[in-house]
Amino acid sequence: MTRILLAALLLWPSLALAEPHCRPGEIPDAKCSPGVVASADEEDVCGIVHGQSYSKRHRQTPAGLKSLIKRRYGQAGNFGDAEIDHIVPLSLGGEDSVYNLFWQPGYGQGYRFTYHEKDQIEVWAWRQVCKLHSMPLAEAQAIFMAPDWRVQYCARIGGPACATAQPAAADARSQPADRRSHSR
């Protein structure tokens, strides 16, 4: 763990100098945030060690890293109902690193899918793997490593965000309505 934190600290200066402009939206910008799995061991991910779940044992996202993600996604200052989210959830063995974090919008920002919907599919997938044992961990992780978690959300959970056309990876619907016609 110490080595990971040390490596992150050593990488921050180079990442800060080469901060790419990441496209904010409902799904992560794959060039900035591809997603990273830290553990593929179901026992490790679902187990409780010293009274702590996997996500509690591994959730150590420093404020500086969150600030870096906000800058990379062009979200300076207070960004309202939004969060820095893990692409592959910690609860499913995701890594707590710059490459597994992205800025995700909340309600009221013109997006159909928000971190609220992603939280629902995360809980559903964790339950399938760790409580019901009805889905392999790798399959659950693949939901989030896929180009578009929204497809699985609509197929497995559904809801108002799915009422219109089904989402397609990196389509115009991943941009808020007022940004769709503007080129970047």
C-alpha atoms as a PDB file:
ATOM      1  CA  MET A   1       0.000   0.000   0.000  1.00  0.00           C
ATOM      2  CA  THR A   2       2.806   2.398   0.866  1.00  0.00           C
ATOM      3  CA  ARG A   3       4.429   1.701  -2.504  1.00  0.00           C
ATOM      4  CA  ILE A   4       1.187   2.536  -4.307  1.00  0.00           C
ATOM      5  CA  LEU A   5       0.840   5.843  -2.464  1.00  0.00           C
ATOM      6  CA  LEU A   6       4.491   6.667  -3.086  1.00  0.00           C
ATOM      7  CA  ALA A   7       4.101   5.871  -6.797  1.00  0.00           C
ATOM      8  CA  ALA A   8       1.000   8.099  -6.948  1.00  0.00           C
ATOM      9  CA  LEU A   9       2.883  10.952  -5.310  1.00  0.00           C
ATOM     10  CA  LEU A  10       5.746  10.545  -7.765  1.00  0.00           C
ATOM     11  CA  LEU A  11       3.344  10.463 -10.717  1.00  0.00           C
ATOM     12  CA  TRP A  12       1.305  13.527  -9.700  1.00  0.00           C
ATOM     13  CA  PRO A  13       3.854  16.102 -10.891  1.00  0.00           C
ATOM     14  CA  SER A  14       4.104  14.473 -14.330  1.00  0.00           C
ATOM     15  CA  LEU A  15       0.338  14.083 -14.535  1.00  0.00           C
ATOM     16  CA  ALA A  16      -0.184  17.692 -13.510  1.00  0.00           C
ATOM     17  CA  LEU A  17       2.198  18.888 -16.242  1.00  0.00           C
ATOM     18  CA  ALA A  18       0.518  16.763 -18.870  1.00  0.00           C
ATOM     19  CA  GLU A  19      -3.055  17.212 -17.689  1.00  0.00           C
ATOM     20  CA  PRO A  20      -5.120  16.229 -20.675  1.00  0.00           C
ATOM     21  CA  HIS A  21      -8.462  17.833 -21.259  1.00  0.00           C
ATOM     22  CA  CYS A  22     -10.811  15.010 -20.425  1.00  0.00           C
ATOM     23  CA  ARG A  23     -14.335  15.043 -21.815  1.00  0.00           C
ATOM     24  CA  PRO A  24     -16.833  15.285 -18.940  1.00  0.00           C
ATOM     25  CA  GLY A  25     -19.995  13.260 -19.275  1.00  0.00           C
ATOM     26  CA  GLU A  26     -22.031  10.294 -18.172  1.00  0.00           C
ATOM     27  CA  ILE A  27     -19.291   7.833 -19.053  1.00  0.00           C
ATOM     28  CA  PRO A  28     -15.557   8.216 -18.373  1.00  0.00           C
ATOM     29  CA  ASP A  29     -13.260   9.614 -21.031  1.00  0.00           C
ATOM     30  CA  ALA A  30     -11.345   6.419 -21.898  1.00  0.00           C
ATOM     31  CA  LYS A  31      -8.145   8.269 -22.856  1.00  0.00           C
ATOM     32  CA  CYS A  32      -7.965   9.829 -19.398  1.00  0.00           C
ATOM     33  CA  SER A  33      -9.675   7.245 -17.233  1.00  0.00           C
ATOM     34  CA  PRO A  34      -9.589   3.723 -18.681  1.00  0.00           C
ATOM     35  CA  GLY A  35     -10.520   1.984 -15.419  1.00  0.00           C
ATOM     36  CA  VAL A  36      -8.274  -0.308 -13.375  1.00  0.00           C
ATOM     37  CA  VAL A  37      -8.965  -3.536 -11.513  1.00  0.00           C
ATOM     38  CA  ALA A  38      -6.799  -4.009  -8.422  1.00  0.00           C
ATOM     39  CA  SER A  39      -8.162  -7.397  -7.314  1.00  0.00           C
ATOM     40  CA  ALA A  40      -9.760 -10.206  -9.286  1.00  0.00           C
ATOM     41  CA  ASP A  41      -9.938 -12.386  -6.169  1.00  0.00           C
ATOM     42  CA  GLU A  42     -13.579 -12.789  -5.144  1.00  0.00           C
ATOM     43  CA  GLU A  43     -12.643 -13.878  -1.613  1.00  0.00           C
ATOM     44  CA  ASP A  44     -10.537 -10.736  -1.188  1.00  0.00           C
ATOM     45  CA  VAL A  45     -13.185  -8.424  -2.654  1.00  0.00           C
ATOM     46  CA  CYS A  46     -16.171  -9.907  -0.814  1.00  0.00           C
ATOM     47  CA  GLY A  47     -14.371 -10.698   2.433  1.00  0.00           C
ATOM     48  CA  ILE A  48     -14.338  -8.759   5.659  1.00  0.00           C
ATOM     49  CA  VAL A  49     -10.863  -8.292   7.146  1.00  0.00           C
ATOM     50  CA  HIS A  50     -10.531  -6.839  10.653  1.00  0.00           C
ATOM     51  CA  GLY A  51     -14.158  -5.703  10.406  1.00  0.00           C
ATOM     52  CA  GLN A  52     -13.657  -3.828   7.116  1.00  0.00           C
ATOM     53  CA  SER A  53     -14.966  -4.486   3.631  1.00  0.00           C
ATOM     54  CA  TYR A  54     -12.642  -4.362   0.613  1.00  0.00           C
ATOM     55  CA  SER A  55     -13.741  -0.831  -0.267  1.00  0.00           C
ATOM     56  CA  LYS A  56     -13.149   0.448   3.263  1.00  0.00           C
ATOM     57  CA  ARG A  57      -9.719  -1.179   3.325  1.00  0.00           C
ATOM     58  CA  HIS A  58      -8.749   0.449   0.025  1.00  0.00           C
ATOM     59  CA  ARG A  59     -10.573   3.817  -0.013  1.00  0.00           C
ATOM     60  CA  GLN A  60      -7.754   6.295   0.486  1.00  0.00           C
ATOM     61  CA  THR A  61      -8.343   8.867  -2.263  1.00  0.00           C
ATOM     62  CA  PRO A  62      -6.397  11.957  -1.152  1.00  0.00           C
ATOM     63  CA  ALA A  63      -7.894  15.411  -1.675  1.00  0.00           C
ATOM     64  CA  GLY A  64      -5.006  16.285  -4.013  1.00  0.00           C
ATOM     65  CA  LEU A  65      -5.887  13.392  -6.309  1.00  0.00           C
ATOM     66  CA  LYS A  66      -9.539  14.438  -6.353  1.00  0.00           C
ATOM     67  CA  SER A  67      -8.444  17.992  -7.249  1.00  0.00           C
ATOM     68  CA  LEU A  68      -6.306  16.637 -10.076  1.00  0.00           C
ATOM     69  CA  ILE A  69      -9.257  14.677 -11.485  1.00  0.00           C
ATOM     70  CA  LYS A  70     -11.459  17.783 -11.272  1.00  0.00           C
ATOM     71  CA  ARG A  71      -8.839  19.811 -13.189  1.00  0.00           C
ATOM     72  CA  ARG A  72      -8.384  17.104 -15.818  1.00  0.00           C
ATOM     73  CA  TYR A  73     -12.145  17.094 -16.426  1.00  0.00           C
ATOM     74  CA  GLY A  74     -12.329  20.906 -16.475  1.00  0.00           C
ATOM     75  CA  GLN A  75     -14.322  21.144 -13.261  1.00  0.00           C
ATOM     76  CA  ALA A  76     -12.600  23.796 -11.153  1.00  0.00           C
ATOM     77  CA  GLY A  77     -14.036  24.858  -7.816  1.00  0.00           C
ATOM     78  CA  ASN A  78     -17.329  23.626  -6.411  1.00  0.00           C
ATOM     79  CA  PHE A  79     -19.037  21.513  -9.051  1.00  0.00           C
ATOM     80  CA  GLY A  80     -22.453  21.137  -7.410  1.00  0.00           C
ATOM     81  CA  ASP A  81     -24.139  17.755  -7.496  1.00  0.00           C
ATOM     82  CA  ALA A  82     -21.294  15.705  -8.944  1.00  0.00           C
ATOM     83  CA  GLU A  83     -18.592  13.460  -7.582  1.00  0.00           C
ATOM     84  CA  ILE A  84     -15.219  11.997  -8.291  1.00  0.00           C
ATOM     85  CA  ASP A  85     -16.169   8.375  -8.865  1.00  0.00           C
ATOM     86  CA  HIS A  86     -14.319   5.101  -9.326  1.00  0.00           C
ATOM     87  CA  ILE A  87     -14.890   3.574 -12.765  1.00  0.00           C
ATOM     88  CA  VAL A  88     -14.524   0.024 -11.446  1.00  0.00           C
ATOM     89  CA  PRO A  89     -16.072   0.408  -8.000  1.00  0.00           C
ATOM     90  CA  LEU A  90     -13.850  -0.235  -4.996  1.00  0.00           C
ATOM     91  CA  SER A  91     -16.530  -2.607  -3.741  1.00  0.00           C
ATOM     92  CA  LEU A  92     -15.826  -4.775  -6.810  1.00  0.00           C
ATOM     93  CA  GLY A  93     -12.029  -4.669  -6.606  1.00  0.00           C
ATOM     94  CA  GLY A  94     -11.390  -1.400  -8.439  1.00  0.00           C
ATOM     95  CA  GLU A  95      -8.142   0.453  -7.853  1.00  0.00           C
ATOM     96  CA  ASP A  96      -8.011   3.767  -6.008  1.00  0.00           C
ATOM     97  CA  SER A  97      -5.857   5.521  -8.636  1.00  0.00           C
ATOM     98  CA  VAL A  98      -5.931   8.372 -11.144  1.00  0.00           C
ATOM     99  CA  TYR A  99      -6.686   5.927 -13.979  1.00  0.00           C
ATOM    100  CA  ASN A 100      -9.766   4.556 -12.203  1.00  0.00           C
ATOM    101  CA  LEU A 101     -11.294   7.914 -11.256  1.00  0.00           C
ATOM    102  CA  PHE A 102     -13.424  10.342 -13.237  1.00  0.00           C
ATOM    103  CA  TRP A 103     -15.693  13.332 -12.734  1.00  0.00           C
ATOM    104  CA  GLN A 104     -19.296  12.181 -12.829  1.00  0.00           C
ATOM    105  CA  PRO A 105     -22.280  14.541 -12.953  1.00  0.00           C
ATOM    106  CA  GLY A 106     -25.233  14.481 -10.612  1.00  0.00           C
ATOM    107  CA  TYR A 107     -28.793  15.692 -11.034  1.00  0.00           C
ATOM    108  CA  GLY A 108     -29.562  19.111 -12.463  1.00  0.00           C
ATOM    109  CA  GLN A 109     -26.675  19.298 -14.931  1.00  0.00           C
ATOM    110  CA  GLY A 110     -28.497  18.238 -18.105  1.00  0.00           C
ATOM    111  CA  TYR A 111     -27.423  14.584 -18.100  1.00  0.00           C
ATOM    112  CA  ARG A 112     -29.827  11.620 -18.230  1.00  0.00           C
ATOM    113  CA  PHE A 113     -27.469   9.305 -16.349  1.00  0.00           C
ATOM    114  CA  THR A 114     -25.679  10.488 -13.212  1.00  0.00           C
ATOM    115  CA  TYR A 115     -23.620   9.045 -10.409  1.00  0.00           C
ATOM    116  CA  HIS A 116     -26.929   8.209  -8.733  1.00  0.00           C
ATOM    117  CA  GLU A 117     -27.753   5.655 -11.453  1.00  0.00           C
ATOM    118  CA  LYS A 118     -24.180   4.354 -11.487  1.00  0.00           C
ATOM    119  CA  ASP A 119     -24.404   3.837  -7.723  1.00  0.00           C
ATOM    120  CA  GLN A 120     -27.505   1.688  -8.277  1.00  0.00           C
ATOM    121  CA  ILE A 121     -25.787  -0.643 -10.765  1.00  0.00           C
ATOM    122  CA  GLU A 122     -22.730  -0.802  -8.481  1.00  0.00           C
ATOM    123  CA  VAL A 123     -24.857  -1.962  -5.549  1.00  0.00           C
ATOM    124  CA  TRP A 124     -26.735  -4.403  -7.785  1.00  0.00           C
ATOM    125  CA  ALA A 125     -23.489  -5.902  -9.164  1.00  0.00           C
ATOM    126  CA  TRP A 126     -21.881  -6.137  -5.704  1.00  0.00           C
ATOM    127  CA  ARG A 127     -24.972  -7.929  -4.421  1.00  0.00           C
ATOM    128  CA  GLN A 128     -24.864 -10.426  -7.310  1.00  0.00           C
ATOM    129  CA  VAL A 129     -21.192 -11.202  -6.624  1.00  0.00           C
ATOM    130  CA  CYS A 130     -20.817 -10.994  -2.865  1.00  0.00           C
ATOM    131  CA  LYS A 131     -24.255 -11.767  -1.432  1.00  0.00           C
ATOM    132  CA  LEU A 132     -26.132 -13.921  -3.943  1.00  0.00           C
ATOM    133  CA  HIS A 133     -23.046 -15.488  -5.582  1.00  0.00           C
ATOM    134  CA  SER A 134     -24.952 -15.454  -8.879  1.00  0.00           C
ATOM    135  CA  MET A 135     -22.347 -13.596 -10.967  1.00  0.00           C
ATOM    136  CA  PRO A 136     -18.573 -14.051 -11.242  1.00  0.00           C
ATOM    137  CA  LEU A 137     -16.515 -11.080 -10.094  1.00  0.00           C
ATOM    138  CA  ALA A 138     -14.922 -10.715 -13.544  1.00  0.00           C
ATOM    139  CA  GLU A 139     -18.362 -10.341 -15.151  1.00  0.00           C
ATOM    140  CA  ALA A 140     -19.349  -7.639 -12.669  1.00  0.00           C
ATOM    141  CA  GLN A 141     -16.066  -5.780 -13.215  1.00  0.00           C
ATOM    142  CA  ALA A 142     -16.632  -6.007 -16.980  1.00  0.00           C
ATOM    143  CA  ILE A 143     -19.848  -3.985 -16.618  1.00  0.00           C
ATOM    144  CA  PHE A 144     -17.712  -0.999 -15.632  1.00  0.00           C
ATOM    145  CA  MET A 145     -14.702  -1.701 -17.861  1.00  0.00           C
ATOM    146  CA  ALA A 146     -17.005  -1.866 -20.891  1.00  0.00           C
ATOM    147  CA  PRO A 147     -17.237   1.270 -22.942  1.00  0.00           C
ATOM    148  CA  ASP A 148     -20.663   2.065 -21.486  1.00  0.00           C
ATOM    149  CA  TRP A 149     -22.035   1.020 -18.079  1.00  0.00           C
ATOM    150  CA  ARG A 150     -25.382   2.630 -18.986  1.00  0.00           C
ATOM    151  CA  VAL A 151     -26.268  -0.276 -21.308  1.00  0.00           C
ATOM    152  CA  GLN A 152     -26.070  -2.756 -18.423  1.00  0.00           C
ATOM    153  CA  TYR A 153     -27.907  -0.332 -16.152  1.00  0.00           C
ATOM    154  CA  CYS A 154     -30.846  -0.216 -18.568  1.00  0.00           C
ATOM    155  CA  ALA A 155     -30.783  -3.989 -19.153  1.00  0.00           C
ATOM    156  CA  ARG A 156     -30.583  -4.944 -15.483  1.00  0.00           C
ATOM    157  CA  ILE A 157     -32.125  -2.080 -13.500  1.00  0.00           C
ATOM    158  CA  GLY A 158     -33.986   0.271 -15.840  1.00  0.00           C
ATOM    159  CA  GLY A 159     -35.620   3.492 -14.800  1.00  0.00           C
ATOM    160  CA  PRO A 160     -36.526   6.951 -16.107  1.00  0.00           C
ATOM    161  CA  ALA A 161     -33.075   7.535 -17.629  1.00  0.00           C
ATOM    162  CA  CYS A 162     -33.667   4.496 -19.881  1.00  0.00           C
ATOM    163  CA  ALA A 163     -37.136   5.626 -21.018  1.00  0.00           C
ATOM    164  CA  THR A 164     -35.848   7.232 -24.210  1.00  0.00           C
ATOM    165  CA  ALA A 165     -33.501   5.609 -26.718  1.00  0.00           C
ATOM    166  CA  GLN A 166     -30.996   3.172 -25.232  1.00  0.00           C
ATOM    167  CA  PRO A 167     -27.548   4.654 -24.604  1.00  0.00           C
ATOM    168  CA  ALA A 168     -24.746   3.932 -27.023  1.00  0.00           C
ATOM    169  CA  ALA A 169     -21.085   4.240 -26.053  1.00  0.00           C
ATOM    170  CA  ALA A 170     -19.687   7.738 -26.429  1.00  0.00           C
ATOM    171  CA  ASP A 171     -22.751   9.012 -28.258  1.00  0.00           C
ATOM    172  CA  ALA A 172     -24.103  12.552 -28.189  1.00  0.00           C
ATOM    173  CA  ARG A 173     -26.400  11.683 -25.260  1.00  0.00           C
ATOM    174  CA  SER A 174     -23.348  11.535 -22.995  1.00  0.00           C
ATOM    175  CA  GLN A 175     -23.075  15.311 -23.383  1.00  0.00           C
ATOM    176  CA  PRO A 176     -25.538  17.697 -21.736  1.00  0.00           C
ATOM    177  CA  ALA A 177     -28.130  19.070 -24.156  1.00  0.00           C
ATOM    178  CA  ASP A 178     -26.512  22.505 -24.327  1.00  0.00           C
ATOM    179  CA  ARG A 179     -23.117  21.008 -25.315  1.00  0.00           C
ATOM    180  CA  ARG A 180     -24.188  18.509 -27.989  1.00  0.00           C
ATOM    181  CA  SER A 181     -23.843  20.764 -31.001  1.00  0.00           C
ATOM    182  CA  HIS A 182     -20.556  22.340 -29.996  1.00  0.00           C
ATOM    183  CA  SER A 183     -17.291  20.896 -31.215  1.00  0.00           C
ATOM    184  CA  ARG A 184     -14.495  20.462 -28.740  1.00  0.00           C
END
